[in-house]
Amino acid sequence: MLVQIFKNKKMEYIDIIGLFGAFLSGITFLPQVYRTWKLKSARDLSLVMILIILLSNVVW
């Protein structure tokens, strides 16, 4: 159904930026989970996670 709705709609830059922001929001905590799993400690934050949060907030 969604394919039929958007079949003839040309993706605009704002749509692409919005989808990119949604993607970043979806993967935000993956670097932190990986770091915690690898180090077996949740003492500090992952720099990659913080950068993804900042970038996703900018594009939203």
N, C-alpha and C. Protein backbone atom coordinates (compact mmCIF):
# COMPACT_ATOMS: atom_id res chain seq x y z
N MET A 1 0.82 -1.19 0.00
CA MET A 1 0.00 0.00 0.00
C MET A 1 0.86 1.26 0.00
N LEU A 2 1.88 1.30 0.86
CA LEU A 2 2.75 2.47 0.89
C LEU A 2 3.52 2.62 -0.41
N VAL A 3 3.84 1.49 -1.05
CA VAL A 3 4.55 1.56 -2.32
C VAL A 3 3.68 2.26 -3.35
N GLN A 4 2.40 1.97 -3.37
CA GLN A 4 1.50 2.61 -4.31
C GLN A 4 1.35 4.10 -4.04
N ILE A 5 1.33 4.48 -2.78
CA ILE A 5 1.17 5.89 -2.43
C ILE A 5 2.39 6.68 -2.87
N PHE A 6 3.58 6.15 -2.65
CA PHE A 6 4.81 6.89 -2.93
C PHE A 6 5.44 6.53 -4.27
N LYS A 7 4.77 5.73 -5.08
CA LYS A 7 5.35 5.28 -6.33
C LYS A 7 5.66 6.44 -7.27
N ASN A 8 4.77 7.39 -7.37
CA ASN A 8 4.96 8.50 -8.29
C ASN A 8 5.53 9.74 -7.62
N LYS A 9 5.82 9.67 -6.33
CA LYS A 9 6.33 10.83 -5.60
C LYS A 9 7.84 10.87 -5.71
N LYS A 10 8.35 11.99 -6.17
CA LYS A 10 9.79 12.16 -6.27
C LYS A 10 10.33 12.55 -4.90
N MET A 11 11.38 11.87 -4.47
CA MET A 11 11.99 12.17 -3.17
C MET A 11 12.65 13.55 -3.23
N GLU A 12 12.27 14.39 -2.31
CA GLU A 12 12.89 15.70 -2.22
C GLU A 12 14.02 15.64 -1.20
N TYR A 13 14.87 16.64 -1.24
CA TYR A 13 16.01 16.66 -0.31
C TYR A 13 15.56 16.63 1.14
N ILE A 14 14.50 17.33 1.46
CA ILE A 14 14.02 17.36 2.85
C ILE A 14 13.55 15.98 3.30
N ASP A 15 12.98 15.21 2.38
CA ASP A 15 12.56 13.84 2.70
C ASP A 15 13.77 12.96 2.99
N ILE A 16 14.80 13.11 2.17
CA ILE A 16 16.01 12.31 2.35
C ILE A 16 16.69 12.67 3.66
N ILE A 17 16.76 13.95 3.98
CA ILE A 17 17.35 14.39 5.24
C ILE A 17 16.55 13.85 6.42
N GLY A 18 15.22 13.86 6.31
CA GLY A 18 14.37 13.33 7.37
C GLY A 18 14.56 11.83 7.57
N LEU A 19 14.66 11.10 6.48
CA LEU A 19 14.91 9.66 6.57
C LEU A 19 16.28 9.37 7.17
N PHE A 20 17.26 10.19 6.82
CA PHE A 20 18.60 10.04 7.38
C PHE A 20 18.57 10.29 8.89
N GLY A 21 17.83 11.31 9.31
CA GLY A 21 17.68 11.59 10.74
C GLY A 21 17.00 10.45 11.47
N ALA A 22 15.98 9.89 10.86
CA ALA A 22 15.28 8.75 11.47
C ALA A 22 16.20 7.54 11.57
N PHE A 23 17.00 7.31 10.54
CA PHE A 23 17.97 6.21 10.57
C PHE A 23 18.97 6.40 11.70
N LEU A 24 19.51 7.62 11.81
CA LEU A 24 20.47 7.90 12.88
C LEU A 24 19.85 7.72 14.25
N SER A 25 18.62 8.15 14.40
CA SER A 25 17.94 7.98 15.69
C SER A 25 17.75 6.51 16.02
N GLY A 26 17.54 5.71 15.00
CA GLY A 26 17.35 4.28 15.21
C GLY A 26 18.61 3.54 15.63
N ILE A 27 19.77 4.03 15.19
CA ILE A 27 21.02 3.33 15.51
C ILE A 27 21.82 4.04 16.59
N THR A 28 21.24 5.02 17.24
CA THR A 28 21.96 5.85 18.20
C THR A 28 22.69 5.05 19.26
N PHE A 29 22.06 4.09 19.85
CA PHE A 29 22.64 3.41 21.01
C PHE A 29 23.47 2.17 20.65
N LEU A 30 23.55 1.82 19.39
CA LEU A 30 24.35 0.65 19.01
C LEU A 30 25.83 0.80 19.36
N PRO A 31 26.47 1.96 19.12
CA PRO A 31 27.88 2.08 19.53
C PRO A 31 28.08 1.93 21.04
N GLN A 32 27.14 2.43 21.83
CA GLN A 32 27.26 2.31 23.28
C GLN A 32 27.10 0.86 23.73
N VAL A 33 26.17 0.16 23.13
CA VAL A 33 25.97 -1.25 23.46
C VAL A 33 27.23 -2.04 23.11
N TYR A 34 27.80 -1.76 21.94
CA TYR A 34 29.03 -2.45 21.53
C TYR A 34 30.17 -2.16 22.50
N ARG A 35 30.33 -0.89 22.86
CA ARG A 35 31.42 -0.51 23.78
C ARG A 35 31.24 -1.17 25.15
N THR A 36 30.02 -1.16 25.65
CA THR A 36 29.74 -1.77 26.95
C THR A 36 30.00 -3.27 26.91
N TRP A 37 29.59 -3.90 25.83
CA TRP A 37 29.79 -5.34 25.67
C TRP A 37 31.28 -5.67 25.59
N LYS A 38 32.01 -4.88 24.82
CA LYS A 38 33.44 -5.13 24.61
C LYS A 38 34.25 -4.92 25.89
N LEU A 39 33.96 -3.82 26.61
CA LEU A 39 34.73 -3.49 27.81
C LEU A 39 34.18 -4.12 29.08
N LYS A 40 32.98 -4.70 28.98
CA LYS A 40 32.29 -5.27 30.15
C LYS A 40 32.11 -4.24 31.27
N SER A 41 31.93 -2.99 30.85
CA SER A 41 31.76 -1.90 31.81
C SER A 41 30.94 -0.80 31.15
N ALA A 42 30.03 -0.22 31.90
CA ALA A 42 29.21 0.89 31.39
C ALA A 42 29.61 2.20 32.05
N ARG A 43 30.87 2.30 32.42
CA ARG A 43 31.33 3.46 33.16
C ARG A 43 31.33 4.74 32.31
N ASP A 44 31.78 4.68 31.07
CA ASP A 44 31.87 5.88 30.25
C ASP A 44 31.05 5.75 28.98
N LEU A 45 30.84 6.87 28.32
CA LEU A 45 30.02 6.92 27.12
C LEU A 45 30.87 6.77 25.87
N SER A 46 30.26 6.23 24.84
CA SER A 46 30.92 6.09 23.55
C SER A 46 30.90 7.43 22.82
N LEU A 47 32.05 7.87 22.34
CA LEU A 47 32.14 9.11 21.59
C LEU A 47 31.32 9.02 20.30
N VAL A 48 31.33 7.87 19.67
CA VAL A 48 30.55 7.68 18.44
C VAL A 48 29.06 7.88 18.71
N MET A 49 28.58 7.36 19.83
CA MET A 49 27.17 7.54 20.17
C MET A 49 26.83 9.02 20.34
N ILE A 50 27.69 9.74 21.02
CA ILE A 50 27.45 11.17 21.23
C ILE A 50 27.44 11.92 19.90
N LEU A 51 28.35 11.58 19.00
CA LEU A 51 28.38 12.22 17.68
C LEU A 51 27.13 11.90 16.86
N ILE A 52 26.66 10.66 16.95
CA ILE A 52 25.43 10.29 16.23
C ILE A 52 24.24 11.05 16.79
N ILE A 53 24.17 11.19 18.10
CA ILE A 53 23.08 11.96 18.72
C ILE A 53 23.11 13.40 18.25
N LEU A 54 24.29 14.00 18.24
CA LEU A 54 24.40 15.39 17.79
C LEU A 54 23.99 15.54 16.33
N LEU A 55 24.47 14.65 15.48
CA LEU A 55 24.13 14.72 14.06
C LEU A 55 22.65 14.48 13.82
N SER A 56 22.06 13.53 14.52
CA SER A 56 20.63 13.27 14.32
C SER A 56 19.79 14.45 14.79
N ASN A 57 20.22 15.12 15.85
CA ASN A 57 19.50 16.31 16.30
C ASN A 57 19.62 17.46 15.31
N VAL A 58 20.76 17.57 14.66
CA VAL A 58 20.94 18.62 13.66
C VAL A 58 20.03 18.40 12.46
N VAL A 59 19.95 17.17 11.96
CA VAL A 59 19.14 16.92 10.77
C VAL A 59 17.65 16.84 11.06
N TRP A 60 17.26 16.60 12.31
CA TRP A 60 15.84 16.62 12.65
C TRP A 60 15.39 18.04 12.72
